[in-house]
């Protein structure tokens, strides 16, 4: 699941239409933190570490009933779980496409039906097809532009919860991963590899939240919270797999990640990318 911390520059609504803001003016507000607990993993969402001098946050809690209903629905459709001036937040279930380039399916279709301008302009970021989590959407061109500008300036803090195969050993409870990544088209999507020579800078902070064993077969897994400093394609999946490989874990990668998992066949038969 994703947690997005958005810097203050969302706009106040001066006029409303069809339930959503159409005209906005800048306002000075504390940063916005969006939180949702990982379904089936922990009852608490990731906690942002406060630093001296931080501006106080406004916290918007996702509607857990709506999240649970979306998780259970066979339709795999997104739903609105929080809203405010200039934005709303969608919960995207796994196996739901989150590409602003295709307005006829998934998250983009929902946004297209809800707003009066293209999803490509409204959606502020995306999630992988197999990942569940929160997606931030601007409800006007001005608000969406402000949010994307903050994204490009790294005013956002995006945090995830991920489940890795194997136990991360003592001494690796937290750290900063800096493997350089190269992404190339492959089939209908993209593939990312570690390339220290020609890859782009990619930074991922991680911290162990717990170590568990599967009730079904006892396979070891580690729950980690992950903060993206940069936002490369498939960054978390490739960074955590690379860490696992260097530590000698097998299989290496995230539970349910059929694309990037390497090593022995995973004993945890999970159809979701966690």
Protein backbone atom coordinates (compact mmCIF):
# COMPACT_ATOMS: atom_id res chain seq x y z
CA UNK A 1 0.00 0.00 0.00
CA UNK A 2 1.16 3.52 -0.66
CA UNK A 3 1.30 6.55 1.58
CA UNK A 4 1.67 9.90 -0.18
CA UNK A 5 2.70 13.04 1.69
CA UNK A 6 1.82 16.03 -0.46
CA UNK A 7 3.23 19.50 0.21
CA UNK A 8 0.84 22.37 0.75
CA UNK A 9 -0.21 23.99 -2.53
CA UNK A 10 -3.50 22.35 -3.21
CA UNK A 11 -6.15 24.96 -3.85
CA UNK A 12 -9.27 26.01 -2.03
CA UNK A 13 -12.50 25.70 -3.94
CA UNK A 14 -14.14 28.96 -4.89
CA UNK A 15 -16.84 27.30 -6.92
CA UNK A 16 -18.16 23.74 -7.11
CA UNK A 17 -19.78 21.80 -9.89
CA UNK A 18 -20.98 18.20 -10.09
CA UNK A 19 -19.59 17.63 -6.62
CA UNK A 20 -16.00 18.58 -7.51
CA UNK A 21 -14.09 21.87 -7.45
CA UNK A 22 -13.79 23.68 -10.77
CA UNK A 23 -11.99 26.90 -9.84
CA UNK A 24 -9.26 27.24 -7.31
CA UNK A 25 -7.03 29.81 -5.69
CA UNK A 26 -3.73 29.06 -3.90
CA UNK A 27 -3.93 28.67 -0.15
CA UNK A 28 -1.39 28.13 2.59
CA UNK A 29 -2.07 24.84 4.38
CA UNK A 30 -0.01 22.21 6.18
CA UNK A 31 1.20 19.26 4.08
CA UNK A 32 -1.27 16.48 3.47
CA UNK A 33 -0.55 12.92 4.54
CA UNK A 34 -2.61 10.06 3.13
CA UNK A 35 -2.48 6.82 5.08
CA UNK A 36 -3.90 3.33 4.74
CA UNK A 37 -2.90 0.16 6.57
CA UNK A 38 -1.79 -2.78 4.49
CA UNK A 39 -4.67 -5.23 4.25
CA UNK A 40 -3.92 -8.48 6.07
CA UNK A 41 -0.49 -7.37 7.24
CA UNK A 42 -0.69 -4.82 10.03
CA UNK A 43 -3.31 -2.73 11.71
CA UNK A 44 -1.26 0.45 11.51
CA UNK A 45 -0.18 2.41 8.47
CA UNK A 46 3.41 3.56 7.97
CA UNK A 47 4.42 6.38 10.30
CA UNK A 48 6.37 9.29 8.92
CA UNK A 49 9.34 10.23 11.07
CA UNK A 50 9.01 13.91 12.00
CA UNK A 51 12.10 16.08 11.68
CA UNK A 52 12.88 19.28 13.53
CA UNK A 53 11.40 22.22 11.66
CA UNK A 54 8.79 20.14 9.84
CA UNK A 55 5.57 21.89 8.98
CA UNK A 56 2.61 20.28 10.81
CA UNK A 57 0.70 17.82 8.65
CA UNK A 58 -2.96 17.46 7.83
CA UNK A 59 -3.75 13.75 8.00
CA UNK A 60 -6.53 12.29 5.85
CA UNK A 61 -7.45 8.74 6.84
CA UNK A 62 -8.68 6.53 4.02
CA UNK A 63 -12.12 4.99 4.48
CA UNK A 64 -11.22 1.42 5.48
CA UNK A 65 -14.72 0.09 4.76
CA UNK A 66 -14.46 1.34 1.18
CA UNK A 67 -10.98 -0.15 0.87
CA UNK A 68 -12.16 -3.54 2.16
CA UNK A 69 -15.14 -3.54 -0.22
CA UNK A 70 -12.89 -2.75 -3.18
CA UNK A 71 -10.48 -5.52 -2.18
CA UNK A 72 -13.27 -8.09 -2.10
CA UNK A 73 -15.03 -6.95 -5.27
CA UNK A 74 -14.55 -9.18 -8.30
CA UNK A 75 -14.85 -6.11 -10.54
CA UNK A 76 -11.45 -4.80 -9.35
CA UNK A 77 -12.64 -1.21 -9.67
CA UNK A 78 -11.09 1.78 -7.85
CA UNK A 79 -13.09 3.81 -5.34
CA UNK A 80 -12.77 7.20 -3.64
CA UNK A 81 -11.59 6.85 -0.04
CA UNK A 82 -10.79 10.48 0.82
CA UNK A 83 -11.31 13.94 -0.70
CA UNK A 84 -10.49 17.59 -0.07
CA UNK A 85 -10.08 20.94 -1.78
CA UNK A 86 -8.43 20.36 -5.14
CA UNK A 87 -7.92 16.61 -4.86
CA UNK A 88 -9.39 13.23 -4.15
CA UNK A 89 -7.74 9.94 -3.27
CA UNK A 90 -8.54 6.63 -4.95
CA UNK A 91 -7.90 3.17 -3.61
CA UNK A 92 -6.61 1.01 -6.47
CA UNK A 93 -7.05 -2.74 -5.95
CA UNK A 94 -4.52 -5.18 -7.34
CA UNK A 95 -5.05 -6.32 -10.95
CA UNK A 96 -6.47 -2.89 -11.83
CA UNK A 97 -4.66 -0.97 -14.58
CA UNK A 98 -3.32 2.42 -13.51
CA UNK A 99 -2.18 4.00 -16.76
CA UNK A 100 -3.32 7.55 -17.59
CA UNK A 101 -2.65 6.84 -21.27
CA UNK A 102 -5.63 4.48 -21.61
CA UNK A 103 -8.87 6.22 -20.51
CA UNK A 104 -11.03 3.18 -21.26
CA UNK A 105 -9.88 0.89 -18.44
CA UNK A 106 -9.09 0.87 -14.74
CA UNK A 107 -8.17 4.01 -12.82
CA UNK A 108 -8.11 6.24 -15.91
CA UNK A 109 -11.67 5.23 -16.83
CA UNK A 110 -12.88 6.06 -13.32
CA UNK A 111 -11.17 9.46 -13.43
CA UNK A 112 -12.50 10.15 -16.94
CA UNK A 113 -16.06 9.51 -15.78
CA UNK A 114 -15.67 11.56 -12.62
CA UNK A 115 -13.91 14.67 -13.92
CA UNK A 116 -14.20 16.90 -16.95
CA UNK A 117 -10.61 16.79 -18.14
CA UNK A 118 -8.31 13.97 -19.29
CA UNK A 119 -6.96 11.41 -16.79
CA UNK A 120 -3.47 12.07 -18.15
CA UNK A 121 -3.74 15.59 -16.75
CA UNK A 122 -5.53 14.67 -13.51
CA UNK A 123 -3.59 11.63 -12.25
CA UNK A 124 -0.52 12.69 -10.26
CA UNK A 125 1.25 9.32 -10.17
CA UNK A 126 0.59 5.66 -10.89
CA UNK A 127 0.90 2.21 -9.33
CA UNK A 128 1.92 -1.11 -10.86
CA UNK A 129 -0.87 -3.36 -12.14
CA UNK A 130 -0.42 -5.92 -9.36
CA UNK A 131 -0.02 -3.40 -6.54
CA UNK A 132 -2.84 -2.13 -4.35
CA UNK A 133 -2.71 1.32 -2.81
CA UNK A 134 -3.66 4.99 -2.91
CA UNK A 135 -3.62 7.22 -6.00
CA UNK A 136 -3.76 11.01 -5.74
CA UNK A 137 -5.89 12.82 -8.34
CA UNK A 138 -6.20 16.59 -8.92
CA UNK A 139 -9.77 17.75 -9.48
CA UNK A 140 -8.87 20.69 -11.72
CA UNK A 141 -6.09 21.50 -14.14
CA UNK A 142 -4.60 24.08 -11.76
CA UNK A 143 -4.65 21.74 -8.77
CA UNK A 144 -3.22 18.81 -10.73
CA UNK A 145 -0.43 20.99 -12.15
CA UNK A 146 0.47 22.17 -8.63
CA UNK A 147 0.54 18.61 -7.30
CA UNK A 148 2.70 17.34 -10.16
CA UNK A 149 5.06 20.27 -9.72
CA UNK A 150 5.46 19.29 -6.07
CA UNK A 151 6.05 15.69 -7.18
CA UNK A 152 8.84 16.80 -9.52
CA UNK A 153 10.36 18.90 -6.73
CA UNK A 154 10.18 15.87 -4.42
CA UNK A 155 7.87 17.63 -2.01
CA UNK A 156 5.93 14.40 -1.74
CA UNK A 157 6.86 11.55 0.51
CA UNK A 158 5.57 8.25 -0.82
CA UNK A 159 5.73 5.26 1.48
CA UNK A 160 4.80 1.65 0.82
CA UNK A 161 4.43 -1.56 2.77
CA UNK A 162 5.95 -4.60 1.07
CA UNK A 163 6.28 -8.29 1.90
CA UNK A 164 9.60 -9.91 0.97
CA UNK A 165 10.51 -13.58 0.72
CA UNK A 166 12.90 -14.71 3.44
CA UNK A 167 14.09 -13.16 6.70
CA UNK A 168 16.24 -10.05 6.46
CA UNK A 169 19.07 -10.83 8.89
CA UNK A 170 19.99 -8.88 12.01
CA UNK A 171 21.89 -5.75 11.12
CA UNK A 172 19.75 -4.99 8.08
CA UNK A 173 16.68 -3.65 9.88
CA UNK A 174 16.92 -0.36 7.98
CA UNK A 175 18.99 1.24 5.27
CA UNK A 176 19.22 3.28 2.07
CA UNK A 177 19.39 1.37 -1.23
CA UNK A 178 21.13 3.21 -4.07
CA UNK A 179 21.38 0.71 -6.94
CA UNK A 180 21.27 2.57 -10.26
CA UNK A 181 18.43 1.41 -12.50
CA UNK A 182 17.91 1.17 -16.24
CA UNK A 183 14.41 0.71 -17.70
CA UNK A 184 13.67 -0.46 -21.24
CA UNK A 185 10.47 -1.36 -23.09
CA UNK A 186 9.59 -5.05 -23.06
CA UNK A 187 6.45 -6.41 -24.67
CA UNK A 188 3.51 -4.24 -23.65
CA UNK A 189 5.33 -2.88 -20.62
CA UNK A 190 8.77 -2.17 -19.25
CA UNK A 191 11.57 -4.05 -17.54
CA UNK A 192 13.99 -2.54 -15.05
CA UNK A 193 17.45 -3.87 -14.29
CA UNK A 194 20.32 -2.82 -12.03
CA UNK A 195 22.97 -1.07 -14.13
CA UNK A 196 25.61 0.74 -12.08
CA UNK A 197 27.33 2.04 -15.18
CA UNK A 198 24.51 3.43 -17.35
CA UNK A 199 21.49 3.39 -15.03
CA UNK A 200 19.74 6.37 -13.46
CA UNK A 201 20.11 7.29 -9.82
CA UNK A 202 17.50 5.54 -7.64
CA UNK A 203 17.19 5.85 -3.86
CA UNK A 204 14.97 3.75 -1.58
CA UNK A 205 14.80 3.84 2.21
CA UNK A 206 13.54 0.71 3.97
CA UNK A 207 12.85 -0.43 7.50
CA UNK A 208 11.83 -3.85 8.80
CA UNK A 209 8.38 -3.92 10.40
CA UNK A 210 8.26 -7.59 11.30
CA UNK A 211 9.27 -11.14 10.42
CA UNK A 212 6.63 -13.85 9.95
CA UNK A 213 6.04 -17.38 8.69
CA UNK A 214 3.24 -18.50 6.42
CA UNK A 215 0.49 -20.35 8.26
CA UNK A 216 0.09 -22.68 5.28
CA UNK A 217 3.66 -23.92 4.83
CA UNK A 218 5.91 -22.01 7.22
CA UNK A 219 7.83 -20.08 4.57
CA UNK A 220 9.65 -17.02 6.03
CA UNK A 221 8.69 -13.50 4.97
CA UNK A 222 9.72 -10.01 6.08
CA UNK A 223 7.38 -7.04 6.21
CA UNK A 224 9.13 -3.76 5.39
CA UNK A 225 8.08 -0.14 5.09
CA UNK A 226 9.63 1.57 2.09
CA UNK A 227 10.07 5.24 1.29
CA UNK A 228 10.77 6.27 -2.29
CA UNK A 229 13.26 9.12 -2.58
CA UNK A 230 13.20 8.78 -6.36
CA UNK A 231 10.43 7.23 -8.42
CA UNK A 232 11.88 4.94 -11.08
CA UNK A 233 9.77 2.29 -12.81
CA UNK A 234 9.49 -0.87 -10.64
CA UNK A 235 12.05 0.66 -8.26
CA UNK A 236 10.89 -1.06 -5.07
CA UNK A 237 10.58 -4.46 -6.69
CA UNK A 238 14.06 -4.37 -8.24
CA UNK A 239 15.81 -2.73 -5.28
CA UNK A 240 14.46 -5.21 -2.73
CA UNK A 241 15.20 -8.16 -5.02
CA UNK A 242 18.78 -6.95 -5.45
CA UNK A 243 19.15 -6.58 -1.69
CA UNK A 244 17.81 -10.11 -1.19
CA UNK A 245 20.22 -11.54 -3.74
CA UNK A 246 23.21 -9.84 -2.12
CA UNK A 247 22.12 -11.29 1.22
CA UNK A 248 21.84 -14.76 -0.29
CA UNK A 249 18.06 -15.13 0.15
CA UNK A 250 16.24 -17.52 -2.15
CA UNK A 251 13.71 -16.93 -3.54
CA UNK A 252 14.64 -13.25 -3.78
CA UNK A 253 11.98 -10.58 -4.28
CA UNK A 254 8.48 -9.64 -3.25
CA UNK A 255 5.70 -12.09 -2.52
CA UNK A 256 3.56 -12.48 -5.64
CA UNK A 257 6.08 -10.84 -8.00
CA UNK A 258 6.22 -13.27 -10.90
CA UNK A 259 8.25 -10.88 -13.07
CA UNK A 260 11.20 -10.04 -10.86
CA UNK A 261 11.40 -12.90 -8.36
CA UNK A 262 14.51 -15.03 -8.81
CA UNK A 263 15.76 -18.22 -7.24
CA UNK A 264 13.85 -21.27 -6.04
CA UNK A 265 10.10 -21.45 -6.56
CA UNK A 266 8.36 -19.49 -3.86
CA UNK A 267 6.52 -21.69 -1.35
CA UNK A 268 4.06 -18.86 -0.64
CA UNK A 269 1.46 -19.14 -3.41
CA UNK A 270 0.14 -15.59 -3.43
CA UNK A 271 -1.55 -14.29 -6.57
CA UNK A 272 -1.11 -10.66 -5.45
CA UNK A 273 2.00 -8.55 -5.69
CA UNK A 274 2.51 -7.38 -2.12
